[in-house]
């Protein structure tokens, strides 16, 4: 299995830079924001 660093390096090579890879990643939500998401929304995301 490849390490995260190796996968990130491959992605950076394909996208052109590390910043290009990181620009596509959403910032994590806070605990308060996560707790406001209802169960049906979590379940709908898991079935995608």
PDB file of N, CA and C in Angstrom:
ATOM      1  N   UNK A   1       0.848  -1.163   0.000  1.00  0.00           N
ATOM      2  CA  UNK A   1       0.000   0.000   0.000  1.00  0.00           C
ATOM      3  C   UNK A   1       0.903   1.239   0.000  1.00  0.00           C
ATOM      4  N   UNK A   2       0.516   2.228  -0.763  1.00  0.00           N
ATOM      5  CA  UNK A   2       1.296   3.462  -0.849  1.00  0.00           C
ATOM      6  C   UNK A   2       1.002   4.368   0.338  1.00  0.00           C
ATOM      7  N   UNK A   3       2.020   5.113   0.729  1.00  0.00           N
ATOM      8  CA  UNK A   3       1.833   6.058   1.828  1.00  0.00           C
ATOM      9  C   UNK A   3       1.106   7.303   1.322  1.00  0.00           C
ATOM     10  N   UNK A   4       0.568   8.066   2.249  1.00  0.00           N
ATOM     11  CA  UNK A   4      -0.125   9.298   1.889  1.00  0.00           C
ATOM     12  C   UNK A   4       0.825  10.251   1.173  1.00  0.00           C
ATOM     13  N   UNK A   5       2.061  10.353   1.664  1.00  0.00           N
ATOM     14  CA  UNK A   5       3.040  11.252   1.046  1.00  0.00           C
ATOM     15  C   UNK A   5       3.318  10.860  -0.403  1.00  0.00           C
ATOM     16  N   UNK A   6       3.382   9.571  -0.669  1.00  0.00           N
ATOM     17  CA  UNK A   6       3.619   9.113  -2.041  1.00  0.00           C
ATOM     18  C   UNK A   6       2.417   9.439  -2.932  1.00  0.00           C
ATOM     19  N   UNK A   7       1.227   9.216  -2.427  1.00  0.00           N
ATOM     20  CA  UNK A   7       0.013   9.535  -3.186  1.00  0.00           C
ATOM     21  C   UNK A   7      -0.078  11.039  -3.444  1.00  0.00           C
ATOM     22  N   UNK A   8       0.252  11.828  -2.446  1.00  0.00           N
ATOM     23  CA  UNK A   8       0.242  13.285  -2.600  1.00  0.00           C
ATOM     24  C   UNK A   8       1.266  13.728  -3.650  1.00  0.00           C
ATOM     25  N   UNK A   9       2.436  13.128  -3.653  1.00  0.00           N
ATOM     26  CA  UNK A   9       3.467  13.468  -4.637  1.00  0.00           C
ATOM     27  C   UNK A   9       3.010  13.124  -6.056  1.00  0.00           C
ATOM     28  N   UNK A  10       2.368  11.976  -6.227  1.00  0.00           N
ATOM     29  CA  UNK A  10       1.841  11.585  -7.537  1.00  0.00           C
ATOM     30  C   UNK A  10       0.768  12.575  -7.979  1.00  0.00           C
ATOM     31  N   UNK A  11      -0.119  12.942  -7.062  1.00  0.00           N
ATOM     32  CA  UNK A  11      -1.181  13.898  -7.376  1.00  0.00           C
ATOM     33  C   UNK A  11      -0.611  15.253  -7.769  1.00  0.00           C
ATOM     34  N   UNK A  12       0.410  15.687  -7.050  1.00  0.00           N
ATOM     35  CA  UNK A  12       1.043  16.972  -7.341  1.00  0.00           C
ATOM     36  C   UNK A  12       1.678  16.960  -8.723  1.00  0.00           C
ATOM     37  N   UNK A  13       2.277  15.836  -9.069  1.00  0.00           N
ATOM     38  CA  UNK A  13       2.880  15.719 -10.399  1.00  0.00           C
ATOM     39  C   UNK A  13       1.810  15.794 -11.490  1.00  0.00           C
ATOM     40  N   UNK A  14       0.680  15.142 -11.253  1.00  0.00           N
ATOM     41  CA  UNK A  14      -0.402  15.141 -12.242  1.00  0.00           C
ATOM     42  C   UNK A  14      -1.098  16.498 -12.340  1.00  0.00           C
ATOM     43  N   UNK A  15      -1.277  17.160 -11.209  1.00  0.00           N
ATOM     44  CA  UNK A  15      -1.979  18.448 -11.172  1.00  0.00           C
ATOM     45  C   UNK A  15      -1.062  19.635 -11.457  1.00  0.00           C
ATOM     46  N   UNK A  16       0.244  19.438 -11.295  1.00  0.00           N
ATOM     47  CA  UNK A  16       1.183  20.511 -11.564  1.00  0.00           C
ATOM     48  C   UNK A  16       1.869  21.078 -10.337  1.00  0.00           C
ATOM     49  N   UNK A  17       1.245  20.952  -9.171  1.00  0.00           N
ATOM     50  CA  UNK A  17       1.859  21.446  -7.932  1.00  0.00           C
ATOM     51  C   UNK A  17       1.067  20.940  -6.727  1.00  0.00           C
ATOM     52  N   UNK A  18       1.710  21.050  -5.549  1.00  0.00           N
ATOM     53  CA  UNK A  18       1.012  20.680  -4.317  1.00  0.00           C
ATOM     54  C   UNK A  18      -0.161  21.619  -4.068  1.00  0.00           C
ATOM     55  N   UNK A  19       0.025  22.902  -4.348  1.00  0.00           N
ATOM     56  CA  UNK A  19      -1.049  23.873  -4.142  1.00  0.00           C
ATOM     57  C   UNK A  19      -2.262  23.557  -5.000  1.00  0.00           C
ATOM     58  N   UNK A  20      -2.042  23.085  -6.221  1.00  0.00           N
ATOM     59  CA  UNK A  20      -3.158  22.712  -7.093  1.00  0.00           C
ATOM     60  C   UNK A  20      -3.949  21.554  -6.498  1.00  0.00           C
ATOM     61  N   UNK A  21      -3.244  20.623  -5.868  1.00  0.00           N
ATOM     62  CA  UNK A  21      -3.918  19.499  -5.210  1.00  0.00           C
ATOM     63  C   UNK A  21      -4.692  19.999  -3.998  1.00  0.00           C
ATOM     64  N   UNK A  22      -4.049  20.803  -3.174  1.00  0.00           N
ATOM     65  CA  UNK A  22      -4.668  21.270  -1.935  1.00  0.00           C
ATOM     66  C   UNK A  22      -5.820  22.241  -2.184  1.00  0.00           C
ATOM     67  N   UNK A  23      -5.817  22.948  -3.316  1.00  0.00           N
ATOM     68  CA  UNK A  23      -6.922  23.858  -3.640  1.00  0.00           C
ATOM     69  C   UNK A  23      -8.236  23.113  -3.823  1.00  0.00           C
ATOM     70  N   UNK A  24      -8.172  21.837  -4.182  1.00  0.00           N
ATOM     71  CA  UNK A  24      -9.383  21.057  -4.389  1.00  0.00           C
ATOM     72  C   UNK A  24      -9.927  20.407  -3.134  1.00  0.00           C
ATOM     73  N   UNK A  25      -9.286  20.632  -1.997  1.00  0.00           N
ATOM     74  CA  UNK A  25      -9.702  20.009  -0.736  1.00  0.00           C
ATOM     75  C   UNK A  25     -10.460  21.020   0.116  1.00  0.00           C
ATOM     76  N   UNK A  26     -11.635  20.635   0.571  1.00  0.00           N
ATOM     77  CA  UNK A  26     -12.427  21.502   1.437  1.00  0.00           C
ATOM     78  C   UNK A  26     -11.834  21.544   2.843  1.00  0.00           C
ATOM     79  N   UNK A  27     -11.986  22.672   3.508  1.00  0.00           N
ATOM     80  CA  UNK A  27     -11.540  22.798   4.901  1.00  0.00           C
ATOM     81  C   UNK A  27     -12.465  21.971   5.790  1.00  0.00           C
ATOM     82  N   UNK A  28     -11.939  21.333   6.821  1.00  0.00           N
ATOM     83  CA  UNK A  28     -12.791  20.535   7.709  1.00  0.00           C
ATOM     84  C   UNK A  28     -13.757  21.422   8.496  1.00  0.00           C
ATOM     85  N   UNK A  29     -14.930  20.877   8.756  1.00  0.00           N
ATOM     86  CA  UNK A  29     -15.931  21.594   9.542  1.00  0.00           C
ATOM     87  C   UNK A  29     -15.596  21.497  11.029  1.00  0.00           C
ATOM     88  N   UNK A  30     -16.074  22.466  11.778  1.00  0.00           N
ATOM     89  CA  UNK A  30     -15.892  22.439  13.228  1.00  0.00           C
ATOM     90  C   UNK A  30     -16.826  21.399  13.835  1.00  0.00           C
ATOM     91  N   UNK A  31     -16.580  21.021  15.078  1.00  0.00           N
ATOM     92  CA  UNK A  31     -17.461  20.074  15.771  1.00  0.00           C
ATOM     93  C   UNK A  31     -18.885  20.608  15.839  1.00  0.00           C
ATOM     94  N   UNK A  32     -19.024  21.902  16.081  1.00  0.00           N
ATOM     95  CA  UNK A  32     -20.360  22.502  16.168  1.00  0.00           C
ATOM     96  C   UNK A  32     -21.078  22.399  14.823  1.00  0.00           C
ATOM     97  N   UNK A  33     -20.368  22.670  13.740  1.00  0.00           N
ATOM     98  CA  UNK A  33     -20.983  22.590  12.413  1.00  0.00           C
ATOM     99  C   UNK A  33     -21.346  21.147  12.066  1.00  0.00           C
ATOM    100  N   UNK A  34     -20.489  20.206  12.432  1.00  0.00           N
ATOM    101  CA  UNK A  34     -20.776  18.795  12.168  1.00  0.00           C
ATOM    102  C   UNK A  34     -21.994  18.319  12.945  1.00  0.00           C
ATOM    103  N   UNK A  35     -22.137  18.763  14.184  1.00  0.00           N
ATOM    104  CA  UNK A  35     -23.262  18.312  15.007  1.00  0.00           C
ATOM    105  C   UNK A  35     -24.592  18.872  14.507  1.00  0.00           C
ATOM    106  N   UNK A  36     -24.570  19.922  13.710  1.00  0.00           N
ATOM    107  CA  UNK A  36     -25.806  20.498  13.162  1.00  0.00           C
ATOM    108  C   UNK A  36     -26.321  19.734  11.944  1.00  0.00           C
ATOM    109  N   UNK A  37     -25.501  18.863  11.386  1.00  0.00           N
ATOM    110  CA  UNK A  37     -25.919  18.089  10.217  1.00  0.00           C
ATOM    111  C   UNK A  37     -26.806  16.943  10.684  1.00  0.00           C
ATOM    112  N   UNK A  38     -28.003  16.875  10.143  1.00  0.00           N
ATOM    113  CA  UNK A  38     -28.957  15.852  10.588  1.00  0.00           C
ATOM    114  C   UNK A  38     -28.560  14.466  10.071  1.00  0.00           C
ATOM    115  N   UNK A  39     -29.063  13.442  10.757  1.00  0.00           N
ATOM    116  CA  UNK A  39     -28.726  12.062  10.426  1.00  0.00           C
ATOM    117  C   UNK A  39     -29.080  11.708   8.986  1.00  0.00           C
ATOM    118  N   UNK A  40     -30.200  12.215   8.485  1.00  0.00           N
ATOM    119  CA  UNK A  40     -30.583  11.860   7.119  1.00  0.00           C
ATOM    120  C   UNK A  40     -29.583  12.398   6.095  1.00  0.00           C
ATOM    121  N   UNK A  41     -28.955  13.530   6.370  1.00  0.00           N
ATOM    122  CA  UNK A  41     -27.932  14.090   5.468  1.00  0.00           C
ATOM    123  C   UNK A  41     -26.673  13.228   5.488  1.00  0.00           C
ATOM    124  N   UNK A  42     -26.282  12.745   6.684  1.00  0.00           N
ATOM    125  CA  UNK A  42     -25.120  11.858   6.772  1.00  0.00           C
ATOM    126  C   UNK A  42     -25.389  10.577   5.981  1.00  0.00           C
ATOM    127  N   UNK A  43     -26.564  10.009   6.173  1.00  0.00           N
ATOM    128  CA  UNK A  43     -26.907   8.772   5.481  1.00  0.00           C
ATOM    129  C   UNK A  43     -26.949   8.968   3.963  1.00  0.00           C
ATOM    130  N   UNK A  44     -27.466  10.090   3.511  1.00  0.00           N
ATOM    131  CA  UNK A  44     -27.542  10.329   2.071  1.00  0.00           C
ATOM    132  C   UNK A  44     -26.142  10.466   1.471  1.00  0.00           C
ATOM    133  N   UNK A  45     -25.209  11.046   2.209  1.00  0.00           N
ATOM    134  CA  UNK A  45     -23.837  11.174   1.716  1.00  0.00           C
ATOM    135  C   UNK A  45     -23.137   9.817   1.665  1.00  0.00           C
ATOM    136  N   UNK A  46     -23.467   8.929   2.590  1.00  0.00           N
ATOM    137  CA  UNK A  46     -22.834   7.611   2.609  1.00  0.00           C
ATOM    138  C   UNK A  46     -23.313   6.728   1.477  1.00  0.00           C
ATOM    139  N   UNK A  47     -24.475   7.013   0.912  1.00  0.00           N
ATOM    140  CA  UNK A  47     -25.019   6.177  -0.159  1.00  0.00           C
ATOM    141  C   UNK A  47     -24.631   6.669  -1.539  1.00  0.00           C
ATOM    142  N   UNK A  48     -23.824   7.707  -1.620  1.00  0.00           N
ATOM    143  CA  UNK A  48     -23.409   8.234  -2.924  1.00  0.00           C
ATOM    144  C   UNK A  48     -22.455   7.295  -3.582  1.00  0.00           C
TER     145      UNK A  48
END
